[in-house]
């Protein structure tokens, strides 16, 4: 097992055990498992190493950027933040505690896009700060990135009540802010996490499993890779292996872009 894969498994708290020949293999994926007495502990069962799914990686269709909304496309960072935090374009402003603008390096090469703030994000005004945020940090760490090196944003800037799915009118009101953030950051790569975010940005209803493994193009031909939302991975830890395949695709895509830029 190469060092990058080993770092990913350890960062995501997937147990790794050593063979007598010194090679490492992932053990059964468990989340916060309580240790059983030694006498009754079952033998470890090896889980196959994550591998990239056998799909041809081709650019997806270019998705057109939505039309400008009240001059959003001309706003700078400070003006945009003020517009987001004072926005009343949809009813969510009446139920939120804080607007969640986004956080990170405003000149980042990677941009992470999720669906909408949850309860923790609503309280703190920052995206991905709960358990899902901690897992996202581990995913980034596995590819050599700190949270501070990327820019993280959501499609919606206000939390939907009870974490329900965003309504179409809420997305229409909010998404010009996100596209302006993409223009300002100008990332080399977008990592889209979760079904709702992916379907919204690609304007499809395709299951997320079929959106993975392909380099899509959005926002004036920027490459985007789709993976599972960290909250889903917390509920279904076995799927972390698939998310590693997605990260491998994202890393290869980014490295290819970088090598082309320096050629």
C-alpha atoms as a PDB file:
ATOM      1  CA  UNK A   1       0.000   0.000   0.000  1.00  0.00           C
ATOM      2  CA  UNK A   2       1.480   3.376  -0.999  1.00  0.00           C
ATOM      3  CA  UNK A   3       1.993   6.111   1.554  1.00  0.00           C
ATOM      4  CA  UNK A   4      -0.764   8.325   0.158  1.00  0.00           C
ATOM      5  CA  UNK A   5      -3.408   5.599   0.497  1.00  0.00           C
ATOM      6  CA  UNK A   6      -2.145   4.731   3.959  1.00  0.00           C
ATOM      7  CA  UNK A   7      -2.389   8.382   4.988  1.00  0.00           C
ATOM      8  CA  UNK A   8      -5.970   8.517   3.743  1.00  0.00           C
ATOM      9  CA  UNK A   9      -6.995   5.418   5.655  1.00  0.00           C
ATOM     10  CA  UNK A  10      -5.420   6.672   8.848  1.00  0.00           C
ATOM     11  CA  UNK A  11      -6.819  10.190   8.451  1.00  0.00           C
ATOM     12  CA  UNK A  12     -10.317   8.781   8.078  1.00  0.00           C
ATOM     13  CA  UNK A  13      -9.814   6.515  11.106  1.00  0.00           C
ATOM     14  CA  UNK A  14      -9.964   3.303   9.094  1.00  0.00           C
ATOM     15  CA  UNK A  15      -7.974   0.717  11.027  1.00  0.00           C
ATOM     16  CA  UNK A  16      -4.804  -0.510   9.321  1.00  0.00           C
ATOM     17  CA  UNK A  17      -2.989  -3.655  10.397  1.00  0.00           C
ATOM     18  CA  UNK A  18       0.457  -4.839   9.423  1.00  0.00           C
ATOM     19  CA  UNK A  19       1.244  -8.179   7.812  1.00  0.00           C
ATOM     20  CA  UNK A  20       4.355 -10.085   8.798  1.00  0.00           C
ATOM     21  CA  UNK A  21       5.924  -9.057   5.497  1.00  0.00           C
ATOM     22  CA  UNK A  22       5.537  -5.408   6.553  1.00  0.00           C
ATOM     23  CA  UNK A  23       2.755  -4.501   4.124  1.00  0.00           C
ATOM     24  CA  UNK A  24      -0.288  -2.678   5.430  1.00  0.00           C
ATOM     25  CA  UNK A  25      -3.911  -3.563   4.764  1.00  0.00           C
ATOM     26  CA  UNK A  26      -7.105  -1.838   5.909  1.00  0.00           C
ATOM     27  CA  UNK A  27      -9.125  -3.687   8.497  1.00  0.00           C
ATOM     28  CA  UNK A  28     -12.907  -3.735   8.778  1.00  0.00           C
ATOM     29  CA  UNK A  29     -14.285  -0.196   8.537  1.00  0.00           C
ATOM     30  CA  UNK A  30     -15.890   0.820  11.812  1.00  0.00           C
ATOM     31  CA  UNK A  31     -17.047   4.100  13.295  1.00  0.00           C
ATOM     32  CA  UNK A  32     -16.382   4.626  17.010  1.00  0.00           C
ATOM     33  CA  UNK A  33     -16.548   0.916  17.721  1.00  0.00           C
ATOM     34  CA  UNK A  34     -16.336  -0.144  21.358  1.00  0.00           C
ATOM     35  CA  UNK A  35     -13.606  -2.662  22.006  1.00  0.00           C
ATOM     36  CA  UNK A  36     -14.935  -6.117  22.872  1.00  0.00           C
ATOM     37  CA  UNK A  37     -13.208  -8.446  25.355  1.00  0.00           C
ATOM     38  CA  UNK A  38     -10.186 -10.110  23.814  1.00  0.00           C
ATOM     39  CA  UNK A  39     -11.584 -13.601  24.266  1.00  0.00           C
ATOM     40  CA  UNK A  40     -14.648 -12.850  22.138  1.00  0.00           C
ATOM     41  CA  UNK A  41     -13.086 -10.537  19.570  1.00  0.00           C
ATOM     42  CA  UNK A  42     -13.554 -11.815  16.000  1.00  0.00           C
ATOM     43  CA  UNK A  43     -10.615 -12.168  13.676  1.00  0.00           C
ATOM     44  CA  UNK A  44      -9.871  -9.155  11.489  1.00  0.00           C
ATOM     45  CA  UNK A  45     -11.211  -9.417   7.965  1.00  0.00           C
ATOM     46  CA  UNK A  46      -9.323  -7.566   5.262  1.00  0.00           C
ATOM     47  CA  UNK A  47     -11.239  -5.063   3.175  1.00  0.00           C
ATOM     48  CA  UNK A  48     -10.073  -4.553  -0.420  1.00  0.00           C
ATOM     49  CA  UNK A  49      -8.075  -1.408  -1.000  1.00  0.00           C
ATOM     50  CA  UNK A  50     -10.072   1.373  -2.654  1.00  0.00           C
ATOM     51  CA  UNK A  51      -9.688   1.475  -6.383  1.00  0.00           C
ATOM     52  CA  UNK A  52     -10.829   3.825  -9.077  1.00  0.00           C
ATOM     53  CA  UNK A  53     -13.998   2.511 -10.695  1.00  0.00           C
ATOM     54  CA  UNK A  54     -13.509   1.207 -14.241  1.00  0.00           C
ATOM     55  CA  UNK A  55     -15.100   4.182 -15.967  1.00  0.00           C
ATOM     56  CA  UNK A  56     -13.643   6.187 -18.783  1.00  0.00           C
ATOM     57  CA  UNK A  57     -12.866   9.621 -17.440  1.00  0.00           C
ATOM     58  CA  UNK A  58     -14.182  12.122 -19.975  1.00  0.00           C
ATOM     59  CA  UNK A  59     -15.297  15.716 -19.692  1.00  0.00           C
ATOM     60  CA  UNK A  60     -18.993  16.020 -18.995  1.00  0.00           C
ATOM     61  CA  UNK A  61     -21.204  18.593 -20.692  1.00  0.00           C
ATOM     62  CA  UNK A  62     -20.519  22.227 -19.950  1.00  0.00           C
ATOM     63  CA  UNK A  63     -23.124  23.624 -17.582  1.00  0.00           C
ATOM     64  CA  UNK A  64     -24.122  27.205 -18.281  1.00  0.00           C
ATOM     65  CA  UNK A  65     -23.698  29.744 -15.493  1.00  0.00           C
ATOM     66  CA  UNK A  66     -27.059  31.164 -14.345  1.00  0.00           C
ATOM     67  CA  UNK A  67     -27.880  34.693 -15.372  1.00  0.00           C
ATOM     68  CA  UNK A  68     -26.787  37.590 -13.222  1.00  0.00           C
ATOM     69  CA  UNK A  69     -29.036  38.591 -10.338  1.00  0.00           C
ATOM     70  CA  UNK A  70     -29.154  42.283  -9.454  1.00  0.00           C
ATOM     71  CA  UNK A  71     -25.514  42.857 -10.332  1.00  0.00           C
ATOM     72  CA  UNK A  72     -24.073  40.031  -8.236  1.00  0.00           C
ATOM     73  CA  UNK A  73     -21.559  39.252 -10.984  1.00  0.00           C
ATOM     74  CA  UNK A  74     -19.839  42.615 -10.446  1.00  0.00           C
ATOM     75  CA  UNK A  75     -19.431  42.408  -6.655  1.00  0.00           C
ATOM     76  CA  UNK A  76     -16.051  42.143  -4.954  1.00  0.00           C
ATOM     77  CA  UNK A  77     -15.410  39.974  -1.905  1.00  0.00           C
ATOM     78  CA  UNK A  78     -16.497  42.444   0.762  1.00  0.00           C
ATOM     79  CA  UNK A  79     -19.586  43.557  -1.151  1.00  0.00           C
ATOM     80  CA  UNK A  80     -20.520  39.963  -1.860  1.00  0.00           C
ATOM     81  CA  UNK A  81     -20.183  38.970   1.801  1.00  0.00           C
ATOM     82  CA  UNK A  82     -22.357  41.911   2.832  1.00  0.00           C
ATOM     83  CA  UNK A  83     -24.977  40.967   0.234  1.00  0.00           C
ATOM     84  CA  UNK A  84     -25.069  37.341   1.410  1.00  0.00           C
ATOM     85  CA  UNK A  85     -25.277  38.106   5.106  1.00  0.00           C
ATOM     86  CA  UNK A  86     -28.051  40.667   4.611  1.00  0.00           C
ATOM     87  CA  UNK A  87     -29.943  38.737   1.935  1.00  0.00           C
ATOM     88  CA  UNK A  88     -33.746  38.469   2.255  1.00  0.00           C
ATOM     89  CA  UNK A  89     -34.481  37.004  -1.178  1.00  0.00           C
ATOM     90  CA  UNK A  90     -36.004  33.807   0.210  1.00  0.00           C
ATOM     91  CA  UNK A  91     -37.871  32.944   3.438  1.00  0.00           C
ATOM     92  CA  UNK A  92     -34.839  31.172   4.918  1.00  0.00           C
ATOM     93  CA  UNK A  93     -33.449  34.482   6.139  1.00  0.00           C
ATOM     94  CA  UNK A  94     -36.238  34.585   8.737  1.00  0.00           C
ATOM     95  CA  UNK A  95     -35.300  31.246  10.325  1.00  0.00           C
ATOM     96  CA  UNK A  96     -31.510  31.267  10.139  1.00  0.00           C
ATOM     97  CA  UNK A  97     -29.248  32.215  13.027  1.00  0.00           C
ATOM     98  CA  UNK A  98     -26.349  33.213  10.788  1.00  0.00           C
ATOM     99  CA  UNK A  99     -25.777  33.433   7.095  1.00  0.00           C
ATOM    100  CA  UNK A 100     -22.945  31.121   6.020  1.00  0.00           C
ATOM    101  CA  UNK A 101     -20.846  32.882   3.411  1.00  0.00           C
ATOM    102  CA  UNK A 102     -17.890  30.540   2.994  1.00  0.00           C
ATOM    103  CA  UNK A 103     -14.406  30.181   4.385  1.00  0.00           C
ATOM    104  CA  UNK A 104     -10.834  29.573   3.314  1.00  0.00           C
ATOM    105  CA  UNK A 105      -8.209  30.752   0.885  1.00  0.00           C
ATOM    106  CA  UNK A 106      -9.785  33.213  -1.544  1.00  0.00           C
ATOM    107  CA  UNK A 107      -7.136  32.343  -4.129  1.00  0.00           C
ATOM    108  CA  UNK A 108      -7.369  28.580  -3.599  1.00  0.00           C
ATOM    109  CA  UNK A 109      -6.615  26.062  -6.335  1.00  0.00           C
ATOM    110  CA  UNK A 110      -9.271  23.699  -4.911  1.00  0.00           C
ATOM    111  CA  UNK A 111     -12.825  24.773  -4.108  1.00  0.00           C
ATOM    112  CA  UNK A 112     -15.166  22.546  -2.105  1.00  0.00           C
ATOM    113  CA  UNK A 113     -18.909  22.957  -2.671  1.00  0.00           C
ATOM    114  CA  UNK A 114     -21.620  21.425  -0.521  1.00  0.00           C
ATOM    115  CA  UNK A 115     -25.371  21.684  -0.288  1.00  0.00           C
ATOM    116  CA  UNK A 116     -26.425  23.910   2.609  1.00  0.00           C
ATOM    117  CA  UNK A 117     -25.525  24.758   6.203  1.00  0.00           C
ATOM    118  CA  UNK A 118     -26.551  22.404   8.987  1.00  0.00           C
ATOM    119  CA  UNK A 119     -27.246  23.198  12.624  1.00  0.00           C
ATOM    120  CA  UNK A 120     -23.582  23.615  13.617  1.00  0.00           C
ATOM    121  CA  UNK A 121     -22.868  25.780  10.597  1.00  0.00           C
ATOM    122  CA  UNK A 122     -25.946  27.924  11.271  1.00  0.00           C
ATOM    123  CA  UNK A 123     -24.770  28.570  14.838  1.00  0.00           C
ATOM    124  CA  UNK A 124     -21.186  29.395  13.901  1.00  0.00           C
ATOM    125  CA  UNK A 125     -21.659  31.009  10.501  1.00  0.00           C
ATOM    126  CA  UNK A 126     -19.029  28.759   8.894  1.00  0.00           C
ATOM    127  CA  UNK A 127     -19.491  25.794   6.517  1.00  0.00           C
ATOM    128  CA  UNK A 128     -18.542  22.233   7.503  1.00  0.00           C
ATOM    129  CA  UNK A 129     -17.742  22.677  11.191  1.00  0.00           C
ATOM    130  CA  UNK A 130     -19.524  19.687  12.761  1.00  0.00           C
ATOM    131  CA  UNK A 131     -18.611  16.005  12.538  1.00  0.00           C
ATOM    132  CA  UNK A 132     -19.006  16.131   8.765  1.00  0.00           C
ATOM    133  CA  UNK A 133     -16.591  19.052   8.715  1.00  0.00           C
ATOM    134  CA  UNK A 134     -14.048  17.104  10.726  1.00  0.00           C
ATOM    135  CA  UNK A 135     -14.283  14.262   8.235  1.00  0.00           C
ATOM    136  CA  UNK A 136     -13.907  16.703   5.341  1.00  0.00           C
ATOM    137  CA  UNK A 137     -10.748  18.029   6.993  1.00  0.00           C
ATOM    138  CA  UNK A 138      -9.425  14.465   7.145  1.00  0.00           C
ATOM    139  CA  UNK A 139     -10.240  13.915   3.473  1.00  0.00           C
ATOM    140  CA  UNK A 140      -8.345  17.062   2.565  1.00  0.00           C
ATOM    141  CA  UNK A 141      -5.436  16.050   4.790  1.00  0.00           C
ATOM    142  CA  UNK A 142      -5.214  12.763   2.924  1.00  0.00           C
ATOM    143  CA  UNK A 143      -4.469  14.595  -0.327  1.00  0.00           C
ATOM    144  CA  UNK A 144      -1.996  16.934   1.325  1.00  0.00           C
ATOM    145  CA  UNK A 145      -4.291  19.916   1.824  1.00  0.00           C
ATOM    146  CA  UNK A 146      -5.165  21.837   4.959  1.00  0.00           C
ATOM    147  CA  UNK A 147      -8.614  23.333   5.389  1.00  0.00           C
ATOM    148  CA  UNK A 148      -7.049  26.790   5.184  1.00  0.00           C
ATOM    149  CA  UNK A 149      -5.648  26.051   1.721  1.00  0.00           C
ATOM    150  CA  UNK A 150      -9.011  25.504   0.015  1.00  0.00           C
ATOM    151  CA  UNK A 151     -12.159  27.580  -0.240  1.00  0.00           C
ATOM    152  CA  UNK A 152     -15.332  25.974   1.120  1.00  0.00           C
ATOM    153  CA  UNK A 153     -18.838  27.129   0.272  1.00  0.00           C
ATOM    154  CA  UNK A 154     -22.397  25.869  -0.026  1.00  0.00           C
ATOM    155  CA  UNK A 155     -25.085  26.365  -2.641  1.00  0.00           C
ATOM    156  CA  UNK A 156     -27.439  27.769  -0.001  1.00  0.00           C
ATOM    157  CA  UNK A 157     -26.123  30.338   2.442  1.00  0.00           C
ATOM    158  CA  UNK A 158     -28.940  29.825   4.971  1.00  0.00           C
ATOM    159  CA  UNK A 159     -29.935  26.632   6.749  1.00  0.00           C
ATOM    160  CA  UNK A 160     -33.187  24.989   5.608  1.00  0.00           C
ATOM    161  CA  UNK A 161     -35.377  24.082   8.624  1.00  0.00           C
ATOM    162  CA  UNK A 162     -34.698  20.585   9.942  1.00  0.00           C
ATOM    163  CA  UNK A 163     -32.001  20.163   7.284  1.00  0.00           C
ATOM    164  CA  UNK A 164     -34.582  19.467   4.589  1.00  0.00           C
ATOM    165  CA  UNK A 165     -33.605  19.531   0.917  1.00  0.00           C
ATOM    166  CA  UNK A 166     -33.378  23.012  -0.599  1.00  0.00           C
ATOM    167  CA  UNK A 167     -36.422  24.186  -2.533  1.00  0.00           C
ATOM    168  CA  UNK A 168     -35.975  25.266  -6.167  1.00  0.00           C
ATOM    169  CA  UNK A 169     -36.854  28.876  -5.403  1.00  0.00           C
ATOM    170  CA  UNK A 170     -34.246  28.935  -2.615  1.00  0.00           C
ATOM    171  CA  UNK A 171     -31.595  27.648  -4.986  1.00  0.00           C
ATOM    172  CA  UNK A 172     -32.550  30.201  -7.639  1.00  0.00           C
ATOM    173  CA  UNK A 173     -32.249  33.008  -5.094  1.00  0.00           C
ATOM    174  CA  UNK A 174     -28.901  31.881  -3.704  1.00  0.00           C
ATOM    175  CA  UNK A 175     -26.904  30.295  -6.487  1.00  0.00           C
ATOM    176  CA  UNK A 176     -25.748  33.555  -8.144  1.00  0.00           C
ATOM    177  CA  UNK A 177     -23.748  34.187  -4.964  1.00  0.00           C
ATOM    178  CA  UNK A 178     -21.998  30.835  -5.331  1.00  0.00           C
ATOM    179  CA  UNK A 179     -21.150  31.399  -8.978  1.00  0.00           C
ATOM    180  CA  UNK A 180     -19.705  34.781  -8.125  1.00  0.00           C
ATOM    181  CA  UNK A 181     -17.561  33.087  -5.457  1.00  0.00           C
ATOM    182  CA  UNK A 182     -16.336  30.628  -8.082  1.00  0.00           C
ATOM    183  CA  UNK A 183     -15.400  33.516 -10.373  1.00  0.00           C
ATOM    184  CA  UNK A 184     -13.564  35.347  -7.595  1.00  0.00           C
ATOM    185  CA  UNK A 185     -11.672  32.300  -6.299  1.00  0.00           C
ATOM    186  CA  UNK A 186     -10.974  31.045  -9.840  1.00  0.00           C
ATOM    187  CA  UNK A 187     -10.120  27.495  -8.683  1.00  0.00           C
ATOM    188  CA  UNK A 188      -8.316  25.016 -10.875  1.00  0.00           C
ATOM    189  CA  UNK A 189     -10.564  22.234  -9.551  1.00  0.00           C
ATOM    190  CA  UNK A 190     -13.960  21.989  -7.866  1.00  0.00           C
ATOM    191  CA  UNK A 191     -14.756  19.092  -5.526  1.00  0.00           C
ATOM    192  CA  UNK A 192     -18.518  18.782  -5.190  1.00  0.00           C
ATOM    193  CA  UNK A 193     -19.679  16.850  -2.121  1.00  0.00           C
ATOM    194  CA  UNK A 194     -23.119  15.311  -1.939  1.00  0.00           C
ATOM    195  CA  UNK A 195     -26.075  14.414  -4.132  1.00  0.00           C
ATOM    196  CA  UNK A 196     -27.996  17.680  -3.813  1.00  0.00           C
ATOM    197  CA  UNK A 197     -25.004  19.862  -4.636  1.00  0.00           C
ATOM    198  CA  UNK A 198     -24.004  17.720  -7.613  1.00  0.00           C
ATOM    199  CA  UNK A 199     -27.497  17.492  -9.079  1.00  0.00           C
ATOM    200  CA  UNK A 200     -28.008  21.221  -8.615  1.00  0.00           C
ATOM    201  CA  UNK A 201     -24.749  22.304 -10.218  1.00  0.00           C
ATOM    202  CA  UNK A 202     -25.174  19.862 -13.119  1.00  0.00           C
ATOM    203  CA  UNK A 203     -28.935  20.467 -13.440  1.00  0.00           C
ATOM    204  CA  UNK A 204     -29.722  16.745 -13.500  1.00  0.00           C
ATOM    205  CA  UNK A 205     -31.575  14.224 -11.346  1.00  0.00           C
ATOM    206  CA  UNK A 206     -29.036  11.449 -11.965  1.00  0.00           C
ATOM    207  CA  UNK A 207     -28.099   9.408  -8.857  1.00  0.00           C
ATOM    208  CA  UNK A 208     -24.782  10.449  -7.355  1.00  0.00           C
ATOM    209  CA  UNK A 209     -23.311   7.005  -7.984  1.00  0.00           C
ATOM    210  CA  UNK A 210     -23.563   7.676 -11.716  1.00  0.00           C
ATOM    211  CA  UNK A 211     -22.102  11.178 -11.405  1.00  0.00           C
ATOM    212  CA  UNK A 212     -18.927   9.893  -9.778  1.00  0.00           C
ATOM    213  CA  UNK A 213     -15.900   8.838 -11.815  1.00  0.00           C
ATOM    214  CA  UNK A 214     -16.345  11.552 -14.441  1.00  0.00           C
ATOM    215  CA  UNK A 215     -14.739  14.968 -14.741  1.00  0.00           C
ATOM    216  CA  UNK A 216     -17.632  17.363 -15.248  1.00  0.00           C
ATOM    217  CA  UNK A 217     -17.359  20.933 -16.486  1.00  0.00           C
ATOM    218  CA  UNK A 218     -19.185  23.876 -14.930  1.00  0.00           C
ATOM    219  CA  UNK A 219     -18.804  27.640 -14.572  1.00  0.00           C
ATOM    220  CA  UNK A 220     -16.953  28.449 -17.799  1.00  0.00           C
ATOM    221  CA  UNK A 221     -15.367  25.039 -18.250  1.00  0.00           C
ATOM    222  CA  UNK A 222     -13.906  24.500 -14.785  1.00  0.00           C
ATOM    223  CA  UNK A 223     -13.374  20.797 -13.966  1.00  0.00           C
ATOM    224  CA  UNK A 224     -15.510  19.359 -11.173  1.00  0.00           C
ATOM    225  CA  UNK A 225     -15.282  15.962  -9.484  1.00  0.00           C
ATOM    226  CA  UNK A 226     -18.251  14.599  -7.515  1.00  0.00           C
ATOM    227  CA  UNK A 227     -17.999  12.580  -4.308  1.00  0.00           C
ATOM    228  CA  UNK A 228     -20.157  11.613  -1.360  1.00  0.00           C
ATOM    229  CA  UNK A 229     -21.020  14.120   1.333  1.00  0.00           C
ATOM    230  CA  UNK A 230     -19.019  13.579   4.544  1.00  0.00           C
ATOM    231  CA  UNK A 231     -22.290  13.315   6.500  1.00  0.00           C
ATOM    232  CA  UNK A 232     -23.260  10.352   4.303  1.00  0.00           C
ATOM    233  CA  UNK A 233     -19.849   8.775   4.850  1.00  0.00           C
ATOM    234  CA  UNK A 234     -20.380   9.017   8.609  1.00  0.00           C
ATOM    235  CA  UNK A 235     -23.612   7.056   8.209  1.00  0.00           C
ATOM    236  CA  UNK A 236     -22.132   4.618   5.674  1.00  0.00           C
ATOM    237  CA  UNK A 237     -18.412   4.314   6.495  1.00  0.00           C
ATOM    238  CA  UNK A 238     -17.843   1.485   4.024  1.00  0.00           C
ATOM    239  CA  UNK A 239     -18.342   4.042   1.247  1.00  0.00           C
ATOM    240  CA  UNK A 240     -15.173   5.842   2.324  1.00  0.00           C
ATOM    241  CA  UNK A 241     -13.319   3.528  -0.045  1.00  0.00           C
ATOM    242  CA  UNK A 242     -15.292   4.969  -2.961  1.00  0.00           C
ATOM    243  CA  UNK A 243     -14.589   8.503  -1.796  1.00  0.00           C
ATOM    244  CA  UNK A 244     -10.883   7.662  -1.948  1.00  0.00           C
ATOM    245  CA  UNK A 245     -11.341   6.723  -5.598  1.00  0.00           C
ATOM    246  CA  UNK A 246     -12.975  10.109  -6.143  1.00  0.00           C
ATOM    247  CA  UNK A 247     -10.084  11.881  -4.438  1.00  0.00           C
ATOM    248  CA  UNK A 248      -7.629   9.982  -6.627  1.00  0.00           C
ATOM    249  CA  UNK A 249      -9.526  11.209  -9.689  1.00  0.00           C
ATOM    250  CA  UNK A 250      -9.497  14.763  -8.342  1.00  0.00           C
ATOM    251  CA  UNK A 251      -5.766  14.600  -7.628  1.00  0.00           C
ATOM    252  CA  UNK A 252      -4.944  13.174 -11.070  1.00  0.00           C
ATOM    253  CA  UNK A 253      -7.105  15.811 -12.745  1.00  0.00           C
ATOM    254  CA  UNK A 254      -5.444  18.611 -10.773  1.00  0.00           C
ATOM    255  CA  UNK A 255      -1.944  17.274 -11.421  1.00  0.00           C
ATOM    256  CA  UNK A 256      -2.685  17.002 -15.132  1.00  0.00           C
ATOM    257  CA  UNK A 257      -3.872  20.607 -15.187  1.00  0.00           C
ATOM    258  CA  UNK A 258      -0.793  21.736 -13.282  1.00  0.00           C
ATOM    259  CA  UNK A 259       1.600  19.875 -15.556  1.00  0.00           C
ATOM    260  CA  UNK A 260      -0.126  21.363 -18.595  1.00  0.00           C
ATOM    261  CA  UNK A 261       0.115  24.870 -17.142  1.00  0.00           C
ATOM    262  CA  UNK A 262       3.868  24.528 -16.573  1.00  0.00           C
ATOM    263  CA  UNK A 263       4.663  22.784 -19.859  1.00  0.00           C
END
